[in-house]
N, C-alpha and C. Protein backbone atom coordinates (compact mmCIF):
# COMPACT_ATOMS: atom_id res chain seq x y z
N MET A 1 166.10 108.47 92.40
CA MET A 1 165.46 107.47 92.37
C MET A 1 163.72 107.55 92.01
N ILE A 2 163.59 108.17 93.48
CA ILE A 2 161.89 108.38 93.32
C ILE A 2 161.44 109.25 91.36
N LEU A 3 162.23 109.68 91.19
CA LEU A 3 162.02 110.58 89.60
C LEU A 3 162.04 109.13 89.17
N VAL A 4 162.87 108.55 88.76
CA VAL A 4 163.17 107.38 88.18
C VAL A 4 161.77 105.96 87.96
N VAL A 5 161.61 105.87 89.55
CA VAL A 5 160.28 105.01 89.19
C VAL A 5 159.02 105.91 89.10
N ARG A 6 158.65 106.88 89.44
CA ARG A 6 157.97 107.77 88.73
C ARG A 6 157.61 107.45 87.42
N LEU A 7 158.65 108.19 86.67
CA LEU A 7 158.79 107.58 85.04
C LEU A 7 158.85 105.91 84.69
N LEU A 8 159.21 105.56 85.53
CA LEU A 8 158.78 104.06 84.97
C LEU A 8 157.00 103.82 85.04
N LEU A 9 156.56 104.12 86.15
CA LEU A 9 155.46 104.07 86.26
C LEU A 9 154.59 104.88 85.28
N LEU A 10 154.99 106.03 84.82
CA LEU A 10 154.31 106.70 83.76
C LEU A 10 154.66 105.82 82.14
N ILE A 11 155.64 105.21 81.79
CA ILE A 11 155.29 104.76 80.51
C ILE A 11 154.95 103.31 80.43
N THR A 12 154.64 102.73 81.79
CA THR A 12 154.11 101.28 81.97
C THR A 12 152.99 101.61 81.92
N ALA A 13 152.31 102.29 82.30
CA ALA A 13 150.60 102.81 82.25
C ALA A 13 150.42 103.32 80.85
N SER A 14 151.27 104.00 80.32
CA SER A 14 151.03 104.12 78.87
C SER A 14 151.03 102.97 77.55
N ILE A 15 151.74 102.48 77.87
CA ILE A 15 151.87 101.03 76.82
C ILE A 15 150.65 100.29 77.36
N TYR A 16 150.20 99.73 78.41
CA TYR A 16 149.24 99.48 78.86
C TYR A 16 147.60 99.74 78.72
N LEU A 17 147.80 101.42 78.49
CA LEU A 17 146.38 102.17 78.33
C LEU A 17 146.33 102.20 76.84
N CYS A 18 147.53 102.42 76.10
CA CYS A 18 147.38 103.16 74.71
C CYS A 18 146.40 102.32 73.91
N PRO A 19 146.55 100.80 73.81
CA PRO A 19 145.20 99.64 73.64
C PRO A 19 144.29 100.44 73.41
N TYR A 20 144.01 101.48 74.58
CA TYR A 20 142.22 101.52 74.99
C TYR A 20 141.78 102.86 74.94
N LEU A 21 143.08 103.46 74.19
CA LEU A 21 142.69 105.12 74.57
C LEU A 21 141.01 105.84 74.06
N PHE A 22 140.55 105.24 74.87
CA PHE A 22 138.73 105.05 74.61
C PHE A 22 138.86 106.45 74.70
N ALA A 23 136.17 112.06 76.48
CA ALA A 23 137.16 112.79 77.26
C ALA A 23 136.80 113.68 78.49
N ALA A 24 137.16 113.62 79.44
CA ALA A 24 136.63 113.33 80.91
C ALA A 24 137.54 114.47 81.61
N PRO A 25 136.99 115.25 82.63
CA PRO A 25 138.05 116.25 83.28
C PRO A 25 139.07 115.43 83.58
N SER A 26 140.29 116.67 83.39
CA SER A 26 141.91 116.31 84.13
C SER A 26 142.12 116.55 85.05
N TYR A 27 141.33 116.99 86.07
CA TYR A 27 141.36 117.66 87.47
C TYR A 27 142.65 118.22 87.46
N GLY A 28 143.52 118.92 86.46
CA GLY A 28 144.79 119.89 86.62
C GLY A 28 145.69 119.17 87.48
N THR A 29 146.92 119.56 87.86
CA THR A 29 148.08 119.09 88.23
C THR A 29 148.20 119.36 90.15
N LYS A 30 146.82 119.52 90.90
CA LYS A 30 146.84 119.69 91.97
C LYS A 30 146.32 118.44 93.05
N LEU A 31 147.59 117.63 93.44
CA LEU A 31 147.27 116.48 94.18
C LEU A 31 147.24 116.27 95.60
N PRO A 32 146.26 115.39 96.30
CA PRO A 32 146.37 115.48 98.18
C PRO A 32 147.77 115.07 98.09
N GLU A 33 148.18 115.18 99.02
CA GLU A 33 149.83 114.56 100.20
C GLU A 33 149.54 113.16 100.25
N LYS A 34 150.35 112.44 100.55
CA LYS A 34 150.32 111.07 101.41
C LYS A 34 149.02 110.84 101.93
N GLY A 35 148.54 110.28 101.77
CA GLY A 35 147.43 110.20 103.09
C GLY A 35 146.22 110.85 103.36
N LYS A 36 146.55 112.13 102.42
CA LYS A 36 145.64 113.27 102.59
C LYS A 36 144.33 112.57 101.66
N PHE A 37 143.11 113.58 101.47
CA PHE A 37 142.10 113.77 101.00
C PHE A 37 141.80 115.23 100.27
N PHE A 38 141.01 115.21 98.89
CA PHE A 38 140.71 116.12 98.39
C PHE A 38 139.19 115.89 98.04
N GLY A 39 138.02 116.94 98.38
CA GLY A 39 136.78 116.20 98.14
C GLY A 39 136.26 117.30 97.30
N GLY A 40 135.08 117.05 96.93
CA GLY A 40 134.39 118.34 96.03
C GLY A 40 132.89 117.97 94.83
N PHE A 41 133.05 119.06 94.25
CA PHE A 41 131.74 118.94 93.43
C PHE A 41 132.06 119.46 92.23
N GLN A 42 131.68 118.47 91.32
CA GLN A 42 132.36 118.83 89.91
C GLN A 42 130.78 118.85 89.07
N ILE A 43 130.74 119.70 87.84
CA ILE A 43 130.04 119.58 86.64
C ILE A 43 130.60 119.39 85.15
N HIS A 44 130.24 118.72 84.48
CA HIS A 44 131.06 118.56 83.50
C HIS A 44 130.07 118.65 81.96
N VAL A 45 130.60 119.41 80.97
CA VAL A 45 129.25 119.60 80.44
C VAL A 45 130.34 118.82 78.90
N ILE A 46 129.88 118.05 77.52
CA ILE A 46 130.03 117.91 76.60
C ILE A 46 129.13 118.58 75.92
N PHE A 47 129.71 119.54 75.10
CA PHE A 47 128.68 120.13 74.09
C PHE A 47 128.59 119.49 72.91
N LYS A 48 129.53 118.90 72.37
CA LYS A 48 129.40 118.43 71.41
C LYS A 48 130.79 117.21 70.81
N ARG A 49 130.43 115.94 70.89
CA ARG A 49 131.12 114.90 70.31
C ARG A 49 130.84 114.35 68.96
N TYR A 50 131.84 114.01 68.20
CA TYR A 50 131.20 113.24 66.70
C TYR A 50 131.40 112.02 66.70
N LEU A 51 130.83 110.88 66.66
CA LEU A 51 130.77 109.50 66.61
C LEU A 51 131.43 109.46 64.82
N GLU A 52 131.71 107.66 64.83
CA GLU A 52 132.53 107.24 63.76
C GLU A 52 131.55 107.41 62.41
N ASN A 53 132.10 107.06 61.51
CA ASN A 53 131.14 106.96 60.55
C ASN A 53 129.77 107.37 59.80
N GLU A 54 129.75 108.81 60.72
CA GLU A 54 128.72 109.91 59.95
C GLU A 54 127.50 109.05 61.27
N PHE A 55 127.58 108.53 62.10
CA PHE A 55 126.64 108.00 63.24
C PHE A 55 126.24 109.11 63.91
N GLY A 56 126.67 110.28 63.76
CA GLY A 56 126.07 111.38 64.26
C GLY A 56 126.90 112.19 65.46
N SER A 57 126.13 112.54 66.00
CA SER A 57 126.93 113.24 67.32
C SER A 57 126.09 112.90 68.48
N LEU A 58 126.80 113.86 70.11
CA LEU A 58 126.21 113.41 71.11
C LEU A 58 126.64 114.96 71.60
N ARG A 59 125.99 114.74 73.30
CA ARG A 59 126.20 115.78 73.84
C ARG A 59 125.80 115.52 75.60
N SER A 60 126.56 115.64 76.82
CA SER A 60 125.99 115.31 78.06
C SER A 60 126.24 116.52 78.85
N ASN A 61 125.05 116.22 80.01
CA ASN A 61 125.19 116.72 80.94
C ASN A 61 125.60 115.94 82.46
N GLN A 62 126.60 116.47 83.35
CA GLN A 62 127.32 115.19 84.45
C GLN A 62 127.28 116.10 85.63
N GLU A 63 126.88 115.85 86.64
CA GLU A 63 127.21 116.15 87.97
C GLU A 63 127.63 115.34 89.32
N PHE A 64 128.75 115.55 89.64
CA PHE A 64 129.19 114.53 90.68
C PHE A 64 129.54 114.48 91.66
N PHE A 65 129.89 114.39 92.87
CA PHE A 65 130.46 114.51 94.11
C PHE A 65 131.79 113.35 93.91
N GLN A 66 133.12 114.40 93.97
CA GLN A 66 134.26 113.62 94.06
C GLN A 66 135.26 113.44 95.44
N LEU A 67 136.24 112.38 95.06
CA LEU A 67 137.22 112.22 95.92
C LEU A 67 138.19 112.08 95.73
N SER A 68 139.83 112.45 95.36
CA SER A 68 140.66 112.28 95.44
C SER A 68 141.79 111.81 96.81
N TYR A 69 142.72 110.75 96.40
CA TYR A 69 143.23 110.28 98.13
C TYR A 69 144.68 110.13 97.70
N GLY A 70 145.33 110.71 98.16
CA GLY A 70 147.08 110.47 97.61
C GLY A 70 147.56 109.34 98.57
N ILE A 71 147.87 108.48 97.46
CA ILE A 71 148.49 106.92 98.06
C ILE A 71 149.77 107.65 98.04
N PHE A 72 150.52 108.57 97.23
CA PHE A 72 151.55 108.66 97.82
C PHE A 72 151.71 110.07 96.93
N ASP A 73 152.48 111.43 97.58
CA ASP A 73 152.57 112.46 97.21
C ASP A 73 152.44 112.82 95.47
N TRP A 74 152.87 111.68 95.03
CA TRP A 74 153.21 111.62 93.54
C TRP A 74 152.09 110.96 93.17
N LEU A 75 151.17 110.52 93.63
CA LEU A 75 150.49 109.74 93.16
C LEU A 75 148.85 109.11 93.64
N SER A 76 147.86 109.53 92.85
CA SER A 76 146.44 110.48 93.51
C SER A 76 145.91 109.21 93.16
N LEU A 77 144.73 108.40 93.76
CA LEU A 77 143.35 108.15 92.93
C LEU A 77 142.25 108.81 93.25
N ASP A 78 141.66 108.83 91.90
CA ASP A 78 140.24 109.82 91.87
C ASP A 78 139.10 108.89 91.61
N LEU A 79 138.19 109.25 92.45
CA LEU A 79 136.67 108.64 92.11
C LEU A 79 135.93 109.62 92.30
N LYS A 80 134.34 109.29 91.24
CA LYS A 80 133.39 110.64 91.41
C LYS A 80 131.78 109.43 91.27
N ALA A 81 131.07 110.02 91.79
CA ALA A 81 129.84 109.43 91.35
C ALA A 81 128.72 110.26 91.41
N GLY A 82 127.80 110.66 90.56
CA GLY A 82 126.91 111.73 90.65
C GLY A 82 125.27 110.51 89.73
N SER A 83 125.08 111.94 88.79
CA SER A 83 124.37 111.77 87.70
C SER A 83 124.57 111.91 86.30
N GLY A 84 123.97 111.90 85.28
CA GLY A 84 124.24 112.29 84.42
C GLY A 84 122.74 111.88 83.17
N LEU A 85 122.72 112.54 82.01
CA LEU A 85 122.23 112.46 80.77
C LEU A 85 123.46 112.53 79.76
N ILE A 86 122.30 111.99 78.45
CA ILE A 86 122.90 111.39 77.27
C ILE A 86 121.82 112.15 76.02
N LYS A 87 122.16 113.28 75.64
CA LYS A 87 121.39 113.56 74.17
C LYS A 87 122.16 112.80 72.74
N GLN A 88 121.69 112.30 71.73
CA GLN A 88 121.89 111.70 70.92
C GLN A 88 121.40 112.25 69.79
N HIS A 89 122.09 112.90 68.67
CA HIS A 89 121.50 113.32 68.01
C HIS A 89 121.90 112.27 66.30
N PRO A 90 121.41 111.57 66.08
CA PRO A 90 121.46 110.69 64.67
C PRO A 90 121.45 111.65 63.64
N LEU A 91 122.28 111.47 62.05
CA LEU A 91 122.05 112.11 61.53
C LEU A 91 121.02 111.88 60.41
N ASN A 92 120.29 113.07 59.90
CA ASN A 92 118.86 112.97 59.37
C ASN A 92 117.72 111.98 60.24
N SER A 93 117.91 112.45 61.75
CA SER A 93 116.81 112.22 62.81
C SER A 93 116.61 112.93 63.91
N SER A 94 115.35 112.63 64.77
CA SER A 94 115.78 113.71 65.64
C SER A 94 116.47 113.14 66.67
N GLU A 95 116.75 114.18 67.51
CA GLU A 95 117.76 113.73 69.03
C GLU A 95 116.79 113.08 69.73
N ILE A 96 117.93 112.40 70.04
CA ILE A 96 117.07 111.14 71.43
C ILE A 96 117.84 111.68 72.41
N ASP A 97 116.78 111.52 73.51
CA ASP A 97 116.99 112.52 75.16
C ASP A 97 117.11 111.78 75.94
N TYR A 98 118.02 111.29 76.62
CA TYR A 98 117.94 110.02 77.77
C TYR A 98 117.83 110.54 78.91
N PRO A 99 117.04 110.42 79.93
CA PRO A 99 116.81 111.38 80.88
C PRO A 99 118.02 111.01 82.05
N SER A 100 118.32 112.34 82.85
CA SER A 100 119.42 111.47 84.15
C SER A 100 119.27 110.06 84.66
N SER A 101 120.19 110.07 84.74
CA SER A 101 120.15 108.89 86.13
C SER A 101 122.28 108.53 86.50
N PHE A 102 122.24 107.15 87.02
CA PHE A 102 123.45 107.07 87.21
C PHE A 102 124.84 107.58 86.78
N ALA A 103 125.46 107.97 87.34
CA ALA A 103 127.23 108.14 86.66
C ALA A 103 128.09 107.82 87.32
N GLY A 104 129.29 107.47 87.05
CA GLY A 104 130.54 106.91 87.88
C GLY A 104 131.96 107.51 87.19
N GLY A 105 132.85 107.61 87.69
CA GLY A 105 134.29 107.45 87.03
C GLY A 105 134.95 107.34 88.43
N TYR A 106 136.32 106.78 87.80
CA TYR A 106 137.56 106.90 88.69
C TYR A 106 139.21 107.39 87.44
N GLY A 107 140.30 107.09 88.67
CA GLY A 107 140.98 107.70 87.81
C GLY A 107 142.38 107.48 88.85
N ILE A 108 143.83 108.17 87.59
CA ILE A 108 144.75 108.30 88.66
C ILE A 108 145.89 109.11 87.47
N ARG A 109 146.41 109.87 88.77
CA ARG A 109 147.48 110.75 88.13
C ARG A 109 148.72 110.77 88.94
N VAL A 110 149.36 110.88 87.76
CA VAL A 110 150.83 110.95 88.41
C VAL A 110 151.58 111.99 88.18
N LYS A 111 152.24 112.42 89.39
CA LYS A 111 153.20 113.80 89.43
C LYS A 111 154.48 113.50 88.89
N PHE A 112 155.16 113.94 87.92
CA PHE A 112 156.66 112.99 87.66
C PHE A 112 157.45 114.02 87.59
N TYR A 113 157.43 115.53 87.91
CA TYR A 113 157.78 117.00 87.82
C TYR A 113 157.02 117.30 88.79
N ASP A 114 158.17 118.28 89.51
CA ASP A 114 157.86 118.89 91.16
C ASP A 114 158.18 120.22 91.63
N THR A 115 158.27 121.09 91.01
CA THR A 115 159.20 121.99 91.47
C THR A 115 158.36 123.52 91.79
N GLU A 116 159.00 124.46 92.81
CA GLU A 116 157.87 125.65 93.71
C GLU A 116 156.83 125.90 92.39
N LYS A 117 157.61 126.04 91.39
CA LYS A 117 156.78 126.86 90.33
C LYS A 117 156.09 126.15 89.33
N VAL A 118 156.71 125.07 88.88
CA VAL A 118 156.30 124.54 87.61
C VAL A 118 155.98 122.77 88.10
N LYS A 119 154.47 122.50 88.14
CA LYS A 119 154.66 120.57 88.13
C LYS A 119 154.06 120.20 86.78
N ALA A 120 154.03 118.67 86.70
CA ALA A 120 153.59 118.09 85.27
C ALA A 120 153.13 116.62 85.99
N VAL A 121 152.19 116.60 85.28
CA VAL A 121 151.31 115.42 85.85
C VAL A 121 150.71 114.62 84.53
N PHE A 122 150.75 113.21 84.28
CA PHE A 122 149.78 111.94 83.79
C PHE A 122 148.91 111.68 84.58
N GLY A 123 148.05 111.85 83.45
CA GLY A 123 146.61 111.10 84.24
C GLY A 123 145.43 110.21 83.08
N PHE A 124 144.78 109.31 83.94
CA PHE A 124 144.41 108.63 83.22
C PHE A 124 142.64 108.39 83.74
N GLN A 125 141.45 108.92 82.70
CA GLN A 125 140.27 109.28 83.68
C GLN A 125 139.59 108.29 82.66
N HIS A 126 138.16 107.77 83.91
CA HIS A 126 137.15 107.37 83.09
C HIS A 126 135.32 107.61 83.09
N ILE A 127 135.09 107.92 82.52
CA ILE A 127 133.28 108.08 83.13
C ILE A 127 132.90 107.34 82.24
N SER A 128 131.27 106.58 83.05
CA SER A 128 130.59 106.19 82.62
C SER A 128 129.06 106.86 82.96
N VAL A 129 128.48 106.88 82.17
CA VAL A 129 127.24 107.42 82.31
C VAL A 129 126.22 106.61 81.63
N HIS A 130 125.17 106.60 82.64
CA HIS A 130 124.00 105.17 82.62
C HIS A 130 122.42 105.99 82.74
N PRO A 131 122.40 106.68 81.66
CA PRO A 131 120.83 106.99 82.00
C PRO A 131 119.91 106.50 81.93
N ARG A 132 118.48 106.86 82.18
CA ARG A 132 117.19 106.32 82.03
C ARG A 132 116.91 105.70 80.54
N SER A 133 116.48 105.05 80.37
CA SER A 133 115.94 104.08 78.78
C SER A 133 114.35 105.32 78.43
N VAL A 134 114.39 105.00 77.33
CA VAL A 134 113.03 106.05 76.67
C VAL A 134 112.48 104.54 75.19
N ARG A 135 111.50 104.84 75.33
CA ARG A 135 110.71 104.17 74.27
C ARG A 135 110.26 105.26 72.81
N LEU A 136 110.49 104.50 71.96
CA LEU A 136 110.64 105.27 70.64
C LEU A 136 110.07 104.44 69.57
N ASN A 137 109.59 105.10 68.45
CA ASN A 137 109.27 104.28 67.69
C ASN A 137 108.37 103.18 67.56
N ALA A 138 107.05 103.57 67.94
CA ALA A 138 106.15 102.45 68.35
C ALA A 138 106.17 101.51 69.85
N GLY A 139 106.94 102.49 70.40
CA GLY A 139 106.87 101.46 71.90
C GLY A 139 108.57 100.92 72.02
N GLN A 140 109.30 100.74 70.80
CA GLN A 140 110.23 99.91 71.58
C GLN A 140 111.36 100.84 72.24
N LYS A 141 111.50 99.86 73.45
CA LYS A 141 112.80 100.22 74.42
C LYS A 141 114.18 100.51 73.91
N ASN A 142 114.93 102.27 73.98
CA ASN A 142 115.98 102.30 73.77
C ASN A 142 116.56 102.57 75.14
N ARG A 143 117.90 102.27 74.65
CA ARG A 143 118.67 102.29 76.19
C ARG A 143 120.37 102.82 76.03
N ALA A 144 120.81 103.36 76.59
CA ALA A 144 121.93 103.75 75.97
C ALA A 144 123.14 103.95 77.50
N ILE A 145 124.53 103.76 77.20
CA ILE A 145 125.88 104.32 78.07
C ILE A 145 126.43 104.94 77.14
N LEU A 146 127.38 105.84 78.21
CA LEU A 146 128.04 106.54 77.68
C LEU A 146 129.53 106.36 78.44
N ASP A 147 130.60 106.12 77.25
CA ASP A 147 131.48 105.36 78.31
C ASP A 147 133.21 106.35 77.57
N ASP A 148 133.36 107.27 78.54
CA ASP A 148 133.95 108.59 78.15
C ASP A 148 135.81 108.87 78.97
N TRP A 149 136.45 108.01 77.96
CA TRP A 149 137.83 107.87 78.38
C TRP A 149 138.66 109.21 78.28
N GLN A 150 139.86 109.65 79.06
CA GLN A 150 140.82 110.11 78.42
C GLN A 150 142.50 110.01 79.36
N VAL A 151 143.30 110.05 78.34
CA VAL A 151 144.68 110.14 79.23
C VAL A 151 145.36 111.70 78.51
N SER A 152 145.91 111.78 79.85
CA SER A 152 146.40 113.60 79.41
C SER A 152 147.33 113.30 80.17
N LEU A 153 148.43 114.62 79.36
CA LEU A 153 150.24 115.43 80.13
C LEU A 153 149.78 116.57 80.10
N LEU A 154 150.21 117.14 81.59
CA LEU A 154 149.68 118.35 81.87
C LEU A 154 151.09 119.15 82.24
N ALA A 155 150.71 120.14 82.61
CA ALA A 155 152.15 120.83 82.72
C ALA A 155 151.59 122.34 83.31
N SER A 156 151.59 122.85 84.72
CA SER A 156 151.03 124.04 85.42
C SER A 156 152.16 125.17 85.54
N TYR A 157 152.04 126.23 85.98
CA TYR A 157 153.00 127.69 86.45
C TYR A 157 152.06 127.80 87.21
N ALA A 158 152.52 128.16 88.27
CA ALA A 158 152.06 129.35 89.74
C ALA A 158 152.20 130.35 89.52
N LEU A 159 151.13 130.90 89.32
CA LEU A 159 151.38 132.55 89.86
C LEU A 159 150.31 133.44 90.59
N GLY A 160 151.61 133.33 91.92
CA GLY A 160 151.13 133.08 93.12
C GLY A 160 150.13 132.50 93.32
N GLY A 161 148.83 132.76 94.09
CA GLY A 161 147.74 131.35 94.10
C GLY A 161 146.97 130.97 93.15
N PHE A 162 147.21 131.34 91.98
CA PHE A 162 146.35 131.24 90.79
C PHE A 162 147.61 130.31 89.94
N THR A 163 146.88 129.25 89.54
CA THR A 163 147.36 128.52 88.91
C THR A 163 147.06 127.74 87.36
N PRO A 164 147.59 128.53 86.77
CA PRO A 164 146.87 127.68 85.12
C PRO A 164 148.05 126.92 84.56
N TYR A 165 147.03 125.86 83.90
CA TYR A 165 147.83 124.46 83.47
C TYR A 165 147.21 124.37 82.03
N LEU A 166 148.06 124.10 81.43
CA LEU A 166 147.79 123.70 79.63
C LEU A 166 148.60 122.37 79.59
N GLY A 167 147.89 121.23 78.57
CA GLY A 167 148.69 120.03 78.10
C GLY A 167 147.65 119.24 76.62
N VAL A 168 148.09 118.52 76.68
CA VAL A 168 147.72 117.53 75.48
C VAL A 168 146.98 115.83 76.18
N LYS A 169 145.80 115.64 75.22
CA LYS A 169 145.17 114.38 75.14
C LYS A 169 144.61 113.58 74.21
N TRP A 170 144.72 112.27 74.91
CA TRP A 170 143.93 111.55 73.94
C TRP A 170 143.07 110.80 74.35
N SER A 171 141.71 110.55 73.65
CA SER A 171 140.56 110.44 74.27
C SER A 171 139.62 110.09 73.20
N ARG A 172 138.84 109.16 74.11
CA ARG A 172 137.37 108.59 73.36
C ARG A 172 136.13 108.01 74.02
N VAL A 173 135.12 108.44 73.16
CA VAL A 173 133.54 108.79 73.61
C VAL A 173 133.44 107.24 73.16
N ASP A 174 132.75 105.98 73.69
CA ASP A 174 131.93 105.11 73.38
C ASP A 174 130.41 105.46 73.50
N TYR A 175 129.62 105.54 72.39
CA TYR A 175 127.73 105.35 72.63
C TYR A 175 127.36 104.06 72.23
N ILE A 176 127.14 103.39 73.28
CA ILE A 176 126.22 102.13 73.44
C ILE A 176 124.78 102.04 73.40
N HIS A 177 124.58 101.77 72.59
CA HIS A 177 123.10 101.74 71.82
C HIS A 177 122.31 100.34 72.05
N TRP A 178 121.05 100.48 72.88
CA TRP A 178 119.92 99.03 72.56
C TRP A 178 119.38 99.70 72.12
N VAL A 179 118.51 98.78 70.99
CA VAL A 179 116.73 98.75 70.19
C VAL A 179 116.42 97.50 71.03
N GLU A 180 115.30 97.55 71.91
CA GLU A 180 115.13 96.50 72.88
C GLU A 180 116.65 95.78 72.74
N GLU A 181 116.74 94.35 72.47
CA GLU A 181 117.63 93.53 73.08
C GLU A 181 119.30 93.91 71.72
N ASP A 182 118.74 94.72 71.10
CA ASP A 182 119.61 94.50 69.54
C ASP A 182 120.71 95.61 70.08
N ARG A 183 122.17 95.17 70.59
CA ARG A 183 122.91 96.37 71.02
C ARG A 183 123.96 96.59 70.00
N LYS A 184 124.55 97.87 69.45
CA LYS A 184 125.66 98.27 69.30
C LYS A 184 125.93 99.58 69.98
N ARG A 185 128.02 99.15 69.71
CA ARG A 185 128.92 99.81 69.96
C ARG A 185 129.22 101.32 69.23
N ARG A 186 129.12 102.72 69.28
CA ARG A 186 129.60 103.30 68.00
C ARG A 186 130.63 104.28 68.74
N MET A 187 131.83 104.13 68.24
CA MET A 187 132.61 104.94 68.52
C MET A 187 132.86 106.47 68.03
N SER A 188 133.65 107.42 69.11
CA SER A 188 133.80 108.57 68.42
C SER A 188 134.87 108.91 67.15
N ASP A 189 134.67 109.83 66.18
CA ASP A 189 135.16 109.92 65.34
C ASP A 189 137.08 109.69 65.45
N LEU A 190 137.33 108.58 65.06
CA LEU A 190 139.04 108.22 65.10
C LEU A 190 139.96 109.58 64.93
N THR A 191 139.55 109.98 63.54
CA THR A 191 140.48 111.55 63.50
C THR A 191 140.26 112.77 64.17
N GLN A 192 139.69 112.55 65.25
CA GLN A 192 139.49 113.38 66.33
C GLN A 192 139.67 113.37 67.35
N ASP A 193 140.33 112.18 67.76
CA ASP A 193 140.80 111.84 69.52
C ASP A 193 141.80 112.87 70.39
N LEU A 194 142.16 113.23 69.22
CA LEU A 194 144.07 114.47 69.78
C LEU A 194 142.85 115.59 70.25
N GLY A 195 143.52 116.03 71.31
CA GLY A 195 142.58 117.69 71.69
C GLY A 195 143.93 118.09 72.85
N VAL A 196 143.30 119.34 73.24
CA VAL A 196 144.10 120.54 73.96
C VAL A 196 143.26 120.36 75.62
N VAL A 197 144.07 120.44 76.48
CA VAL A 197 143.30 120.77 77.66
C VAL A 197 144.11 122.07 78.12
N PHE A 198 142.93 122.76 78.69
CA PHE A 198 143.82 124.18 79.39
C PHE A 198 142.32 124.89 80.71
N GLY A 199 143.50 124.82 81.99
CA GLY A 199 142.41 125.44 82.87
C GLY A 199 142.75 125.94 83.67
N PHE A 200 142.39 126.24 85.11
CA PHE A 200 143.33 126.98 86.08
C PHE A 200 142.69 126.57 87.61
N ASP A 201 143.57 126.77 88.71
CA ASP A 201 143.09 126.81 90.10
C ASP A 201 142.85 127.76 90.28
N LEU A 202 141.84 128.00 90.81
CA LEU A 202 141.93 129.32 91.75
C LEU A 202 141.31 129.34 93.01
N PRO A 203 142.69 129.77 94.15
CA PRO A 203 142.24 129.58 95.60
C PRO A 203 141.08 130.51 95.74
N LEU A 204 139.89 129.89 97.05
CA LEU A 204 139.29 131.04 97.29
C LEU A 204 139.20 130.92 98.86
N TYR A 205 139.32 130.18 99.78
CA TYR A 205 139.42 130.40 101.24
C TYR A 205 140.12 129.49 101.64
N GLU A 206 140.95 129.14 102.81
CA GLU A 206 141.78 128.55 103.44
C GLU A 206 141.58 127.02 102.91
N ASN A 207 142.52 126.47 102.25
CA ASN A 207 142.05 124.50 102.13
C ASN A 207 141.20 124.48 100.80
N THR A 208 140.51 125.52 100.86
CA THR A 208 139.46 125.67 99.18
C THR A 208 139.93 126.26 97.94
N TRP A 209 139.47 125.59 96.93
CA TRP A 209 139.69 126.23 95.69
C TRP A 209 138.70 125.63 94.98
N LEU A 210 138.52 126.79 93.14
CA LEU A 210 137.87 126.01 91.93
C LEU A 210 138.50 125.82 91.42
N ASN A 211 138.37 125.01 90.44
CA ASN A 211 138.97 124.21 89.12
C ASN A 211 138.18 124.73 88.06
N ILE A 212 138.48 125.33 86.81
CA ILE A 212 137.83 125.49 85.62
C ILE A 212 138.94 125.12 84.34
N GLU A 213 138.00 124.17 83.85
CA GLU A 213 138.63 123.56 82.42
C GLU A 213 137.72 123.54 80.91
N GLY A 214 138.47 123.85 79.83
CA GLY A 214 138.45 123.66 79.11
C GLY A 214 138.61 122.47 77.74
N GLN A 215 138.35 121.96 77.09
CA GLN A 215 138.81 120.98 76.16
C GLN A 215 138.11 120.96 74.97
N LEU A 216 139.38 121.00 73.70
CA LEU A 216 139.04 121.35 72.28
C LEU A 216 139.97 120.58 71.32
N ILE A 217 139.20 120.40 70.28
CA ILE A 217 139.71 119.97 69.25
C ILE A 217 139.05 118.51 69.18
N ASP A 218 139.43 117.25 69.45
CA ASP A 218 138.85 116.27 70.17
C ASP A 218 137.33 116.47 70.12
N THR A 219 136.58 117.24 71.55
CA THR A 219 135.75 117.50 72.00
C THR A 219 135.30 118.99 72.29
N GLN A 220 133.92 119.05 72.44
CA GLN A 220 134.15 120.57 72.76
C GLN A 220 133.57 120.39 74.23
N ALA A 221 133.92 120.50 75.23
CA ALA A 221 133.69 119.95 76.65
C ALA A 221 134.14 120.85 77.51
N PHE A 222 133.76 121.40 78.78
CA PHE A 222 133.93 122.35 79.92
C PHE A 222 133.60 121.73 81.12
N SER A 223 134.37 121.71 82.75
CA SER A 223 133.96 121.49 83.54
C SER A 223 134.45 122.47 84.71
N PHE A 224 133.59 122.71 85.67
CA PHE A 224 133.81 123.02 86.82
C PHE A 224 133.31 122.52 88.12
N SER A 225 134.56 123.14 88.96
CA SER A 225 134.59 122.25 90.47
C SER A 225 134.74 122.98 91.30
N PHE A 226 134.22 122.90 92.31
CA PHE A 226 134.29 123.62 93.97
C PHE A 226 135.33 122.30 94.81
N ASN A 227 136.10 122.60 95.46
CA ASN A 227 137.26 121.86 95.87
C ASN A 227 137.51 122.73 97.62
N PHE A 228 137.86 121.22 97.92
CA PHE A 228 138.64 121.25 99.30
C PHE A 228 139.21 119.90 99.77
N LYS A 229 140.29 120.44 100.73
CA LYS A 229 140.91 119.47 101.77
C LYS A 229 141.32 119.13 102.84
N PHE A 230 141.01 117.56 103.05
CA PHE A 230 141.02 117.39 104.65
C PHE A 230 141.71 116.02 105.06
């Protein structure tokens, strides 16, 4: 019965989210137990993401304090807050460097398969980066926001304490840009929205572990986090 509820939640979430599949770290397949918390510090780097219609590419560095709460043993709420910057490179023009300022994110993960060795997780994650504005071209104010969305399906296999995982994801990055009051939204290249996630959890001490994750095809991204449970 519980498995049926989880699968129904997964299907329902997919139906509602698919029209908005706007890459953020997936967090892997380790979820806090009901009523418990995971905390940690995360670094996320987007090395390159292409925008649609030859609007160039962007990259971003982000640092977060993150917190996950177990609503149930199989359902986790993920929150994060920190800072981030954006570097956007238009075609045939110099890169625009937006200095670091506030960034935050949220998401959910649903564990719909769970054995001693194998786990499978559906996740939805969103990050929003709001760097400081810059003045270009005779003092014109340029402002930007990066919205980074991801839906993923992951599976892991425990090898002693070491837990590698692999999965697929559908992601989108929106680059929202103002020149003074003129606002435009540029989406990531829609032909490159499907990607691969791979990573692992590595225990350090009791109740602490490292998570390292890479993303390919849709984007070139890497994340690293130090985590603990309490």
